[in-house]
């Protein structure tokens, strides 16, 4: 019997990365997590060992890659806030592009040939059509999207020049939590709709803002394609199998192909929690398209990926379980 693979998960203490670390542990993989804990949480790393540090620290990377053969690297350590990327582009280009280059070059030096990259629907910019497939023009409209697009191009060049094979997974709206409430979103500040809505339901937040009620959608609010974080982790697992079995590099969209409006999310959250959620209506935000929905046919065909939690009610139920745990932990003790 062959030895289980070893995977370095960069950013494995964060939201999506921690769910990936959990799944890898369940599948018998040797996991090494590298995270500087600037936004991640050490207690979210449930499998393998945690190395605290920066992905641009060459001495640390050399030590990790020399301590044991690493079969693949998964990269979840990008900065992700669109608004912040507009205000602080230098920070985003430095972290998301330059530090990723440092990581890739360390991999090359140690003969690590498999890389899985968390990309984003932001590489597409304003949608020319929906649902969005992989052939859609890539015209990102903010520094965050441009940094991800740049890395995708770097990876294509590294494949051609160095034989470093990669899979880029373009997420639409990651959401939800571990079904058992073990892990979930802990962003600070929180910017994602579902946790914001549920924090309002639990009382940890006074209410939420709804940006725009006049979009060309059935209820006037934006429609987004929400994908369960465990379904994302499963897609990464399938991408890992593809690369370890000698498959070619690839780029895949990940989404459920349907989409739910902001108002639908609020309505489902109210129904599931039985709580009122205070709303404040505000004008549209610049650059918010009316619809962002994925065509994930290619991922289904080539990776064999089938989302297990595609419906909004299940996604909200799992996220609510996590939110109740967080609310209980933050409640004052008497």
Protein backbone atom coordinates (compact mmCIF):
# COMPACT_ATOMS: atom_id res chain seq x y z
CA UNK A 1 0.00 0.00 0.00
CA UNK A 2 1.38 3.43 -0.97
CA UNK A 3 1.96 6.04 1.69
CA UNK A 4 -0.69 8.76 2.04
CA UNK A 5 0.19 12.03 0.29
CA UNK A 6 1.47 15.06 2.16
CA UNK A 7 -0.24 18.36 1.39
CA UNK A 8 0.87 21.82 2.48
CA UNK A 9 -2.20 24.01 3.04
CA UNK A 10 -1.23 27.67 2.98
CA UNK A 11 -3.86 29.71 4.79
CA UNK A 12 -5.29 26.58 6.38
CA UNK A 13 -6.36 28.41 9.56
CA UNK A 14 -8.83 30.59 7.66
CA UNK A 15 -12.44 30.01 6.68
CA UNK A 16 -12.20 27.83 3.58
CA UNK A 17 -8.72 26.54 4.37
CA UNK A 18 -9.74 25.14 7.75
CA UNK A 19 -12.59 23.16 6.21
CA UNK A 20 -10.09 21.81 3.69
CA UNK A 21 -7.67 20.79 6.44
CA UNK A 22 -10.50 18.97 8.22
CA UNK A 23 -11.49 17.09 5.06
CA UNK A 24 -7.90 16.14 4.25
CA UNK A 25 -7.50 14.77 7.75
CA UNK A 26 -10.65 12.72 7.33
CA UNK A 27 -9.26 11.30 4.07
CA UNK A 28 -6.02 10.17 5.69
CA UNK A 29 -3.75 12.82 4.18
CA UNK A 30 -0.67 14.11 6.01
CA UNK A 31 -1.47 17.81 6.43
CA UNK A 32 0.90 20.67 7.13
CA UNK A 33 -0.78 24.06 7.59
CA UNK A 34 1.16 27.27 7.04
CA UNK A 35 -0.62 30.37 8.32
CA UNK A 36 0.54 33.64 9.85
CA UNK A 37 -2.73 33.81 11.87
CA UNK A 38 -3.28 37.43 10.83
CA UNK A 39 -6.87 36.50 10.01
CA UNK A 40 -6.95 32.77 10.73
CA UNK A 41 -7.37 30.92 14.01
CA UNK A 42 -5.05 28.27 15.39
CA UNK A 43 -7.96 26.33 16.93
CA UNK A 44 -9.49 25.94 13.45
CA UNK A 45 -6.61 23.68 12.39
CA UNK A 46 -8.02 20.28 13.28
CA UNK A 47 -5.58 17.97 11.46
CA UNK A 48 -1.84 17.65 11.07
CA UNK A 49 0.59 20.28 12.28
CA UNK A 50 0.48 24.05 12.17
CA UNK A 51 3.49 26.12 11.13
CA UNK A 52 3.02 29.77 11.99
CA UNK A 53 4.61 32.07 9.46
CA UNK A 54 4.48 33.84 6.11
CA UNK A 55 4.35 32.14 2.73
CA UNK A 56 7.13 34.48 1.58
CA UNK A 57 9.50 33.34 4.34
CA UNK A 58 11.94 31.33 2.22
CA UNK A 59 13.85 29.89 5.17
CA UNK A 60 10.61 28.59 6.67
CA UNK A 61 9.46 27.18 3.33
CA UNK A 62 12.82 25.49 2.82
CA UNK A 63 12.53 23.88 6.24
CA UNK A 64 8.98 22.67 5.58
CA UNK A 65 9.78 21.27 2.13
CA UNK A 66 13.02 19.66 3.40
CA UNK A 67 11.46 18.05 6.46
CA UNK A 68 9.38 15.65 4.38
CA UNK A 69 8.42 15.19 0.73
CA UNK A 70 5.42 17.39 -0.10
CA UNK A 71 3.16 16.11 -2.86
CA UNK A 72 1.01 19.20 -3.39
CA UNK A 73 0.35 22.71 -2.14
CA UNK A 74 -3.08 24.31 -1.69
CA UNK A 75 -3.16 28.11 -1.51
CA UNK A 76 -5.89 29.85 0.55
CA UNK A 77 -3.82 32.79 1.82
CA UNK A 78 -4.96 35.65 -0.43
CA UNK A 79 -6.43 38.88 0.84
CA UNK A 80 -10.07 38.92 -0.28
CA UNK A 81 -11.85 42.22 0.47
CA UNK A 82 -12.76 44.01 -2.75
CA UNK A 83 -13.23 47.44 -1.17
CA UNK A 84 -9.95 47.25 0.70
CA UNK A 85 -8.17 46.22 -2.49
CA UNK A 86 -9.34 49.47 -4.14
CA UNK A 87 -8.13 51.53 -1.17
CA UNK A 88 -4.87 49.61 -0.62
CA UNK A 89 -3.86 48.06 -3.96
CA UNK A 90 -0.18 47.81 -3.01
CA UNK A 91 -1.05 45.53 -0.10
CA UNK A 92 -3.04 43.25 -2.41
CA UNK A 93 -0.47 43.05 -5.20
CA UNK A 94 2.28 42.38 -2.67
CA UNK A 95 0.44 39.59 -0.87
CA UNK A 96 -1.66 38.02 -3.58
CA UNK A 97 0.90 38.18 -6.39
CA UNK A 98 4.44 38.68 -5.11
CA UNK A 99 4.18 36.36 -2.13
CA UNK A 100 2.51 33.73 -4.28
CA UNK A 101 5.50 33.95 -6.64
CA UNK A 102 7.80 33.40 -3.65
CA UNK A 103 5.79 30.31 -2.72
CA UNK A 104 5.86 28.94 -6.27
CA UNK A 105 9.60 29.48 -6.57
CA UNK A 106 10.21 27.64 -3.30
CA UNK A 107 8.11 24.78 -4.67
CA UNK A 108 10.22 24.71 -7.82
CA UNK A 109 13.42 24.62 -5.81
CA UNK A 110 12.19 21.56 -3.92
CA UNK A 111 10.63 19.76 -6.88
CA UNK A 112 7.00 20.16 -5.76
CA UNK A 113 4.96 19.97 -8.95
CA UNK A 114 1.29 20.17 -7.90
CA UNK A 115 -0.53 23.38 -6.93
CA UNK A 116 -4.21 24.13 -6.25
CA UNK A 117 -5.16 27.78 -6.27
CA UNK A 118 -8.23 29.49 -4.83
CA UNK A 119 -9.33 31.87 -7.53
CA UNK A 120 -12.55 33.84 -7.81
CA UNK A 121 -15.44 34.91 -9.99
CA UNK A 122 -14.00 38.43 -9.64
CA UNK A 123 -11.66 37.60 -12.54
CA UNK A 124 -14.64 38.02 -14.88
CA UNK A 125 -15.63 41.57 -13.93
CA UNK A 126 -19.02 42.74 -15.13
CA UNK A 127 -20.78 39.70 -16.60
CA UNK A 128 -21.38 39.77 -20.33
CA UNK A 129 -23.77 36.84 -19.92
CA UNK A 130 -24.99 34.45 -17.25
CA UNK A 131 -24.51 31.77 -16.22
CA UNK A 132 -20.78 32.41 -16.50
CA UNK A 133 -18.65 29.62 -17.96
CA UNK A 134 -14.85 29.38 -18.20
CA UNK A 135 -14.84 30.95 -21.68
CA UNK A 136 -16.37 34.18 -20.40
CA UNK A 137 -14.00 37.16 -20.93
CA UNK A 138 -11.75 37.88 -17.97
CA UNK A 139 -11.93 41.61 -17.35
CA UNK A 140 -11.59 42.18 -13.59
CA UNK A 141 -12.69 45.59 -12.38
CA UNK A 142 -10.84 45.83 -9.05
CA UNK A 143 -7.34 45.05 -7.74
CA UNK A 144 -8.55 41.94 -5.90
CA UNK A 145 -9.85 40.38 -9.12
CA UNK A 146 -6.78 41.48 -11.05
CA UNK A 147 -4.41 39.85 -8.55
CA UNK A 148 -6.22 36.53 -8.90
CA UNK A 149 -6.25 36.81 -12.69
CA UNK A 150 -2.51 37.56 -12.71
CA UNK A 151 -1.76 34.45 -10.67
CA UNK A 152 -3.86 32.34 -13.05
CA UNK A 153 -1.69 33.60 -15.92
CA UNK A 154 1.50 32.99 -13.95
CA UNK A 155 0.42 29.41 -13.32
CA UNK A 156 -0.21 28.81 -17.02
CA UNK A 157 3.30 30.10 -17.77
CA UNK A 158 4.85 28.00 -14.97
CA UNK A 159 3.17 24.92 -16.38
CA UNK A 160 4.58 25.55 -19.85
CA UNK A 161 8.07 26.49 -18.67
CA UNK A 162 8.62 24.38 -15.56
CA UNK A 163 6.05 21.59 -15.66
CA UNK A 164 4.38 22.84 -12.47
CA UNK A 165 0.83 21.60 -12.87
CA UNK A 166 -2.02 23.45 -11.25
CA UNK A 167 -5.78 23.64 -10.86
CA UNK A 168 -7.41 27.04 -10.41
CA UNK A 169 -10.85 26.95 -8.81
CA UNK A 170 -12.94 30.05 -9.35
CA UNK A 171 -15.35 30.37 -6.45
CA UNK A 172 -18.52 32.34 -6.70
CA UNK A 173 -19.97 33.02 -3.19
CA UNK A 174 -18.50 30.70 -0.56
CA UNK A 175 -20.92 30.27 2.34
CA UNK A 176 -22.12 27.91 5.05
CA UNK A 177 -20.25 26.03 7.73
CA UNK A 178 -19.28 22.52 8.75
CA UNK A 179 -22.55 20.56 9.11
CA UNK A 180 -21.73 19.64 12.71
CA UNK A 181 -20.92 23.20 13.75
CA UNK A 182 -17.20 22.45 14.15
CA UNK A 183 -15.99 25.23 11.86
CA UNK A 184 -17.39 28.34 10.20
CA UNK A 185 -16.80 31.94 9.22
CA UNK A 186 -14.88 34.17 11.64
CA UNK A 187 -13.90 37.13 9.48
CA UNK A 188 -13.07 40.42 11.19
CA UNK A 189 -14.61 42.52 9.85
CA UNK A 190 -17.32 40.28 8.45
CA UNK A 191 -18.41 41.25 4.95
CA UNK A 192 -20.34 38.19 3.70
CA UNK A 193 -24.10 38.34 3.54
CA UNK A 194 -25.17 35.09 5.23
CA UNK A 195 -23.09 35.47 8.42
CA UNK A 196 -24.12 39.13 8.62
CA UNK A 197 -27.79 38.17 8.40
CA UNK A 198 -27.39 35.42 11.01
CA UNK A 199 -25.44 37.68 13.37
CA UNK A 200 -28.41 40.04 13.21
CA UNK A 201 -30.72 37.11 13.97
CA UNK A 202 -28.64 36.04 16.98
CA UNK A 203 -28.39 39.55 18.39
CA UNK A 204 -24.68 39.98 17.81
CA UNK A 205 -25.45 42.68 15.24
CA UNK A 206 -28.23 45.28 15.31
CA UNK A 207 -29.25 44.71 11.70
CA UNK A 208 -27.95 44.64 8.15
CA UNK A 209 -27.88 46.91 5.13
CA UNK A 210 -29.48 45.86 1.85
CA UNK A 211 -27.74 47.62 -1.02
CA UNK A 212 -30.17 48.26 -3.87
CA UNK A 213 -33.81 47.27 -4.38
CA UNK A 214 -34.08 48.30 -8.03
CA UNK A 215 -32.10 45.65 -9.87
CA UNK A 216 -33.61 43.81 -12.82
CA UNK A 217 -34.37 40.73 -10.72
CA UNK A 218 -37.68 39.27 -9.48
CA UNK A 219 -37.52 41.06 -6.12
CA UNK A 220 -35.16 43.91 -7.03
CA UNK A 221 -32.18 42.68 -4.99
CA UNK A 222 -28.92 41.20 -6.28
CA UNK A 223 -28.71 37.51 -7.13
CA UNK A 224 -25.61 35.53 -6.20
CA UNK A 225 -24.54 31.91 -6.56
CA UNK A 226 -23.90 30.60 -3.03
CA UNK A 227 -21.75 27.50 -2.73
CA UNK A 228 -21.34 25.51 0.47
CA UNK A 229 -17.84 25.58 1.92
CA UNK A 230 -17.77 21.77 2.22
CA UNK A 231 -18.65 21.49 -1.46
CA UNK A 232 -15.69 23.78 -2.17
CA UNK A 233 -13.45 21.53 -0.08
CA UNK A 234 -14.67 18.49 -2.01
CA UNK A 235 -13.81 20.22 -5.29
CA UNK A 236 -10.27 20.79 -4.00
CA UNK A 237 -10.05 17.12 -3.05
CA UNK A 238 -11.06 16.10 -6.57
CA UNK A 239 -8.56 18.57 -8.05
CA UNK A 240 -5.86 17.02 -5.87
CA UNK A 241 -6.73 13.56 -7.14
CA UNK A 242 -6.58 14.84 -10.73
CA UNK A 243 -3.07 16.20 -10.29
CA UNK A 244 -1.69 13.28 -8.27
CA UNK A 245 -2.97 10.87 -10.93
CA UNK A 246 -1.09 12.71 -13.66
CA UNK A 247 -3.92 14.89 -14.96
CA UNK A 248 -3.38 18.17 -16.78
CA UNK A 249 -3.65 21.64 -15.37
CA UNK A 250 -7.10 23.20 -15.51
CA UNK A 251 -9.33 26.12 -14.56
CA UNK A 252 -12.84 25.49 -13.24
CA UNK A 253 -15.79 27.58 -12.09
CA UNK A 254 -17.47 26.47 -8.86
CA UNK A 255 -21.08 27.34 -8.17
CA UNK A 256 -24.50 25.76 -8.03
CA UNK A 257 -25.69 27.29 -11.28
CA UNK A 258 -28.84 28.81 -9.80
CA UNK A 259 -28.49 31.73 -7.48
CA UNK A 260 -30.52 33.35 -4.72
CA UNK A 261 -31.35 36.99 -4.15
CA UNK A 262 -30.40 38.99 -1.08
CA UNK A 263 -34.08 39.07 -0.10
CA UNK A 264 -34.38 35.30 -0.46
CA UNK A 265 -31.41 34.81 1.87
CA UNK A 266 -33.05 37.09 4.45
CA UNK A 267 -36.40 35.32 4.12
CA UNK A 268 -34.86 31.86 4.53
CA UNK A 269 -32.84 33.05 7.54
CA UNK A 270 -35.95 34.49 9.18
CA UNK A 271 -37.88 31.27 8.56
CA UNK A 272 -35.12 29.00 9.86
CA UNK A 273 -34.17 30.99 12.95
CA UNK A 274 -37.62 32.28 13.85
CA UNK A 275 -35.99 35.64 14.55
CA UNK A 276 -36.68 39.10 13.20
CA UNK A 277 -33.82 40.67 11.24
CA UNK A 278 -33.70 44.46 11.11
CA UNK A 279 -33.01 45.83 7.64
CA UNK A 280 -31.72 49.18 6.43
CA UNK A 281 -32.13 49.83 2.73
CA UNK A 282 -29.31 51.70 1.01
CA UNK A 283 -28.44 52.65 -2.58
CA UNK A 284 -26.64 50.24 -4.87
CA UNK A 285 -22.91 49.84 -4.39
CA UNK A 286 -20.76 50.72 -7.43
CA UNK A 287 -19.74 47.64 -9.39
CA UNK A 288 -22.38 45.28 -7.97
CA UNK A 289 -23.85 43.35 -10.92
CA UNK A 290 -27.49 42.32 -10.76
CA UNK A 291 -26.66 38.62 -11.24
CA UNK A 292 -23.54 36.52 -10.73
CA UNK A 293 -24.25 32.86 -11.42
CA UNK A 294 -21.78 30.14 -12.37
CA UNK A 295 -21.87 27.53 -15.07
CA UNK A 296 -19.94 24.72 -13.36
CA UNK A 297 -20.54 22.12 -16.08
CA UNK A 298 -16.81 21.71 -16.72
CA UNK A 299 -16.05 20.92 -13.07
CA UNK A 300 -18.82 18.33 -13.07
CA UNK A 301 -17.55 16.75 -16.29
CA UNK A 302 -13.80 16.79 -15.69
CA UNK A 303 -13.52 16.58 -11.91
CA UNK A 304 -16.68 14.57 -11.25
CA UNK A 305 -17.77 17.26 -8.81
CA UNK A 306 -21.36 17.12 -7.56
CA UNK A 307 -22.38 19.61 -4.83
CA UNK A 308 -23.87 17.85 -1.82
CA UNK A 309 -25.46 20.95 -0.23
CA UNK A 310 -26.85 23.02 -3.12
CA UNK A 311 -30.01 24.34 -1.46
CA UNK A 312 -30.10 27.59 0.46
CA UNK A 313 -32.09 26.21 3.41
CA UNK A 314 -29.38 23.63 4.22
CA UNK A 315 -26.62 26.17 3.80
CA UNK A 316 -28.34 28.60 6.18
CA UNK A 317 -29.07 25.82 8.69
CA UNK A 318 -25.38 24.86 8.86
CA UNK A 319 -24.29 28.49 9.13
CA UNK A 320 -26.87 29.08 11.90
CA UNK A 321 -25.51 26.16 13.91
CA UNK A 322 -22.09 27.79 13.78
CA UNK A 323 -23.47 31.25 14.58
CA UNK A 324 -25.27 29.92 17.66
CA UNK A 325 -21.98 28.47 18.87
CA UNK A 326 -20.22 31.82 18.32
CA UNK A 327 -23.03 33.77 19.98
CA UNK A 328 -22.93 31.48 23.00
CA UNK A 329 -19.17 31.83 23.30
CA UNK A 330 -19.38 35.65 23.17
CA UNK A 331 -22.30 35.98 25.60
CA UNK A 332 -21.39 37.60 28.93
CA UNK A 333 -21.07 35.18 31.83
CA UNK A 334 -23.11 35.88 34.98
